Amino acid sequence: EAVSNCIKHAEAKTITVSSAELAGQWVIRVQDDGKGFDYEEIKKQEHGNGLGNMHQRAADGGFSFSIISNIGTGTTITVVS
């Protein structure tokens, strides 16, 4: 879902997907260098699948989920076990 959103919305030149073990936890990160967005504003407007469903799926699986997005510099989505 995160990669799909990058392709559909971010206008990114580069998408990086990484997976690593850090301090005994599994960390998956999807980063792009796209246009970014105001996450707080999107949360208010979101009525479809997208970001809300990713957050819910992570929570259902017992994972933490975070999004950091800066307009003009891209977005990082991180899921941690």
N, C-alpha and C. Protein backbone atom coordinates (compact mmCIF):
# COMPACT_ATOMS: atom_id res chain seq x y z
N GLU A 1 0.83 -1.19 0.00
CA GLU A 1 0.00 0.00 0.00
C GLU A 1 0.88 1.26 0.00
N ALA A 2 1.93 1.26 0.81
CA ALA A 2 2.80 2.44 0.88
C ALA A 2 3.49 2.70 -0.45
N VAL A 3 4.00 1.66 -1.08
CA VAL A 3 4.65 1.83 -2.38
C VAL A 3 3.63 2.28 -3.42
N SER A 4 2.46 1.68 -3.40
CA SER A 4 1.40 2.07 -4.32
C SER A 4 1.06 3.55 -4.17
N ASN A 5 0.95 4.03 -2.93
CA ASN A 5 0.67 5.45 -2.70
C ASN A 5 1.78 6.34 -3.23
N CYS A 6 3.03 5.90 -3.06
CA CYS A 6 4.16 6.67 -3.61
C CYS A 6 4.01 6.83 -5.12
N ILE A 7 3.71 5.73 -5.78
CA ILE A 7 3.59 5.74 -7.24
C ILE A 7 2.42 6.61 -7.68
N LYS A 8 1.28 6.48 -7.00
CA LYS A 8 0.07 7.20 -7.41
C LYS A 8 0.08 8.68 -7.06
N HIS A 9 0.69 9.04 -5.92
CA HIS A 9 0.49 10.39 -5.39
C HIS A 9 1.74 11.24 -5.21
N ALA A 10 2.88 10.62 -4.97
CA ALA A 10 4.04 11.38 -4.50
C ALA A 10 4.84 12.11 -5.58
N GLU A 11 4.69 11.65 -6.83
CA GLU A 11 5.53 12.20 -7.90
C GLU A 11 7.01 12.05 -7.54
N ALA A 12 7.35 10.92 -6.93
CA ALA A 12 8.72 10.66 -6.47
C ALA A 12 9.61 10.21 -7.61
N LYS A 13 10.88 10.57 -7.51
CA LYS A 13 11.90 10.04 -8.43
C LYS A 13 12.48 8.75 -7.89
N THR A 14 12.51 8.64 -6.55
CA THR A 14 13.10 7.47 -5.90
C THR A 14 12.20 6.99 -4.77
N ILE A 15 12.00 5.67 -4.72
CA ILE A 15 11.29 5.03 -3.61
C ILE A 15 12.25 3.98 -3.05
N THR A 16 12.48 4.04 -1.74
CA THR A 16 13.38 3.10 -1.09
C THR A 16 12.60 2.29 -0.07
N VAL A 17 12.70 0.97 -0.15
CA VAL A 17 12.06 0.07 0.80
C VAL A 17 13.18 -0.65 1.53
N SER A 18 13.16 -0.59 2.87
CA SER A 18 14.20 -1.27 3.64
C SER A 18 13.57 -2.08 4.76
N SER A 19 14.28 -3.12 5.16
CA SER A 19 13.86 -3.99 6.24
C SER A 19 15.11 -4.30 7.05
N ALA A 20 15.01 -4.14 8.37
CA ALA A 20 16.18 -4.38 9.22
C ALA A 20 15.73 -4.77 10.62
N GLU A 21 16.64 -5.41 11.33
CA GLU A 21 16.42 -5.68 12.74
C GLU A 21 17.21 -4.64 13.52
N LEU A 22 16.51 -3.93 14.38
CA LEU A 22 17.14 -2.92 15.22
C LEU A 22 16.70 -3.13 16.66
N ALA A 23 17.65 -3.33 17.52
CA ALA A 23 17.37 -3.52 18.96
C ALA A 23 16.31 -4.60 19.19
N GLY A 24 16.41 -5.69 18.43
CA GLY A 24 15.49 -6.80 18.61
C GLY A 24 14.12 -6.61 17.99
N GLN A 25 13.94 -5.54 17.23
CA GLN A 25 12.65 -5.29 16.58
C GLN A 25 12.84 -5.26 15.07
N TRP A 26 11.82 -5.70 14.37
CA TRP A 26 11.83 -5.68 12.92
C TRP A 26 11.29 -4.33 12.46
N VAL A 27 12.04 -3.65 11.61
CA VAL A 27 11.67 -2.32 11.13
C VAL A 27 11.56 -2.36 9.61
N ILE A 28 10.40 -1.99 9.09
CA ILE A 28 10.20 -1.85 7.65
C ILE A 28 9.97 -0.37 7.39
N ARG A 29 10.70 0.16 6.41
CA ARG A 29 10.59 1.58 6.12
C ARG A 29 10.43 1.79 4.61
N VAL A 30 9.47 2.63 4.24
CA VAL A 30 9.28 3.03 2.85
C VAL A 30 9.48 4.54 2.80
N GLN A 31 10.46 4.97 2.00
CA GLN A 31 10.79 6.40 1.89
C GLN A 31 10.69 6.82 0.43
N ASP A 32 10.24 8.04 0.23
CA ASP A 32 10.25 8.60 -1.13
C ASP A 32 10.76 10.03 -1.08
N ASP A 33 11.16 10.51 -2.24
CA ASP A 33 11.64 11.88 -2.36
C ASP A 33 10.62 12.74 -3.11
N GLY A 34 9.36 12.40 -2.92
CA GLY A 34 8.28 13.08 -3.64
C GLY A 34 7.86 14.40 -3.03
N LYS A 35 6.65 14.80 -3.38
CA LYS A 35 6.16 16.13 -3.02
C LYS A 35 5.74 16.26 -1.56
N GLY A 36 5.54 15.14 -0.84
CA GLY A 36 5.14 15.21 0.56
C GLY A 36 3.72 15.74 0.71
N PHE A 37 3.26 15.77 1.96
CA PHE A 37 1.90 16.24 2.24
C PHE A 37 1.78 16.59 3.71
N ASP A 38 0.69 17.24 4.05
CA ASP A 38 0.39 17.58 5.44
C ASP A 38 -0.42 16.43 6.03
N TYR A 39 0.24 15.56 6.78
CA TYR A 39 -0.40 14.34 7.29
C TYR A 39 -1.58 14.66 8.20
N GLU A 40 -1.47 15.66 9.04
CA GLU A 40 -2.58 16.01 9.94
C GLU A 40 -3.81 16.43 9.14
N GLU A 41 -3.62 17.15 8.08
CA GLU A 41 -4.75 17.57 7.24
C GLU A 41 -5.35 16.37 6.51
N ILE A 42 -4.51 15.48 6.02
CA ILE A 42 -5.00 14.29 5.31
C ILE A 42 -5.81 13.41 6.26
N LYS A 43 -5.39 13.26 7.51
CA LYS A 43 -6.12 12.44 8.47
C LYS A 43 -7.55 12.96 8.65
N LYS A 44 -7.74 14.26 8.60
CA LYS A 44 -9.07 14.85 8.77
C LYS A 44 -9.97 14.54 7.56
N GLN A 45 -9.37 14.44 6.38
CA GLN A 45 -10.13 14.29 5.14
C GLN A 45 -10.29 12.85 4.69
N GLU A 46 -9.45 11.95 5.17
CA GLU A 46 -9.39 10.58 4.67
C GLU A 46 -10.71 9.84 4.90
N HIS A 47 -11.29 9.34 3.82
CA HIS A 47 -12.52 8.58 3.93
C HIS A 47 -12.42 7.24 3.22
N GLY A 48 -11.32 6.99 2.52
CA GLY A 48 -11.16 5.75 1.76
C GLY A 48 -10.19 4.82 2.45
N ASN A 49 -9.52 4.05 1.67
CA ASN A 49 -8.58 3.06 2.19
C ASN A 49 -7.31 3.74 2.68
N GLY A 50 -6.31 3.81 1.86
CA GLY A 50 -5.11 4.59 2.09
C GLY A 50 -4.44 4.49 3.44
N LEU A 51 -4.06 5.64 3.93
CA LEU A 51 -3.25 5.75 5.13
C LEU A 51 -3.94 5.21 6.37
N GLY A 52 -5.22 5.48 6.51
CA GLY A 52 -5.95 4.99 7.67
C GLY A 52 -5.97 3.47 7.75
N ASN A 53 -6.16 2.82 6.61
CA ASN A 53 -6.17 1.36 6.59
C ASN A 53 -4.79 0.79 6.88
N MET A 54 -3.74 1.43 6.39
CA MET A 54 -2.39 0.95 6.71
C MET A 54 -2.16 1.02 8.21
N HIS A 55 -2.56 2.12 8.80
CA HIS A 55 -2.41 2.28 10.25
C HIS A 55 -3.21 1.21 11.00
N GLN A 56 -4.44 0.96 10.58
CA GLN A 56 -5.28 -0.03 11.24
C GLN A 56 -4.72 -1.44 11.08
N ARG A 57 -4.24 -1.78 9.89
CA ARG A 57 -3.66 -3.11 9.67
C ARG A 57 -2.43 -3.32 10.54
N ALA A 58 -1.60 -2.30 10.66
CA ALA A 58 -0.42 -2.41 11.53
C ALA A 58 -0.86 -2.63 12.98
N ALA A 59 -1.82 -1.85 13.44
CA ALA A 59 -2.31 -1.99 14.82
C ALA A 59 -2.91 -3.38 15.04
N ASP A 60 -3.67 -3.87 14.08
CA ASP A 60 -4.28 -5.20 14.19
C ASP A 60 -3.22 -6.29 14.32
N GLY A 61 -2.07 -6.08 13.70
CA GLY A 61 -0.97 -7.04 13.75
C GLY A 61 -0.05 -6.85 14.93
N GLY A 62 -0.31 -5.83 15.75
CA GLY A 62 0.52 -5.57 16.91
C GLY A 62 1.78 -4.77 16.58
N PHE A 63 1.78 -4.07 15.46
CA PHE A 63 2.93 -3.26 15.03
C PHE A 63 2.67 -1.79 15.29
N SER A 64 3.73 -1.03 15.47
CA SER A 64 3.58 0.42 15.53
C SER A 64 3.73 0.95 14.10
N PHE A 65 3.15 2.10 13.84
CA PHE A 65 3.10 2.67 12.50
C PHE A 65 3.30 4.17 12.61
N SER A 66 4.18 4.71 11.79
CA SER A 66 4.35 6.16 11.80
C SER A 66 4.55 6.69 10.39
N ILE A 67 4.13 7.92 10.22
CA ILE A 67 4.32 8.63 8.96
C ILE A 67 4.95 9.97 9.27
N ILE A 68 6.02 10.26 8.56
CA ILE A 68 6.63 11.59 8.61
C ILE A 68 6.66 12.08 7.17
N SER A 69 6.03 13.21 6.93
CA SER A 69 5.98 13.77 5.58
C SER A 69 6.25 15.25 5.65
N ASN A 70 7.10 15.70 4.76
CA ASN A 70 7.43 17.11 4.67
C ASN A 70 7.16 17.58 3.24
N ILE A 71 6.36 18.60 3.12
CA ILE A 71 6.03 19.13 1.80
C ILE A 71 7.31 19.53 1.09
N GLY A 72 7.46 18.99 -0.12
CA GLY A 72 8.61 19.31 -0.95
C GLY A 72 9.81 18.39 -0.79
N THR A 73 9.82 17.54 0.26
CA THR A 73 10.99 16.67 0.46
C THR A 73 10.65 15.20 0.59
N GLY A 74 9.38 14.83 0.68
CA GLY A 74 9.03 13.42 0.68
C GLY A 74 8.42 12.91 1.95
N THR A 75 8.26 11.60 1.97
CA THR A 75 7.52 10.91 3.03
C THR A 75 8.27 9.66 3.46
N THR A 76 8.21 9.36 4.76
CA THR A 76 8.74 8.12 5.30
C THR A 76 7.65 7.44 6.11
N ILE A 77 7.36 6.20 5.77
CA ILE A 77 6.42 5.37 6.51
C ILE A 77 7.22 4.27 7.18
N THR A 78 7.02 4.10 8.49
CA THR A 78 7.78 3.11 9.24
C THR A 78 6.82 2.21 10.01
N VAL A 79 7.08 0.91 9.92
CA VAL A 79 6.32 -0.09 10.68
C VAL A 79 7.33 -0.86 11.51
N VAL A 80 7.05 -1.00 12.82
CA VAL A 80 7.98 -1.67 13.74
C VAL A 80 7.23 -2.74 14.50
N SER A 81 7.87 -3.93 14.60
CA SER A 81 7.25 -5.03 15.35
C SER A 81 7.48 -4.85 16.84
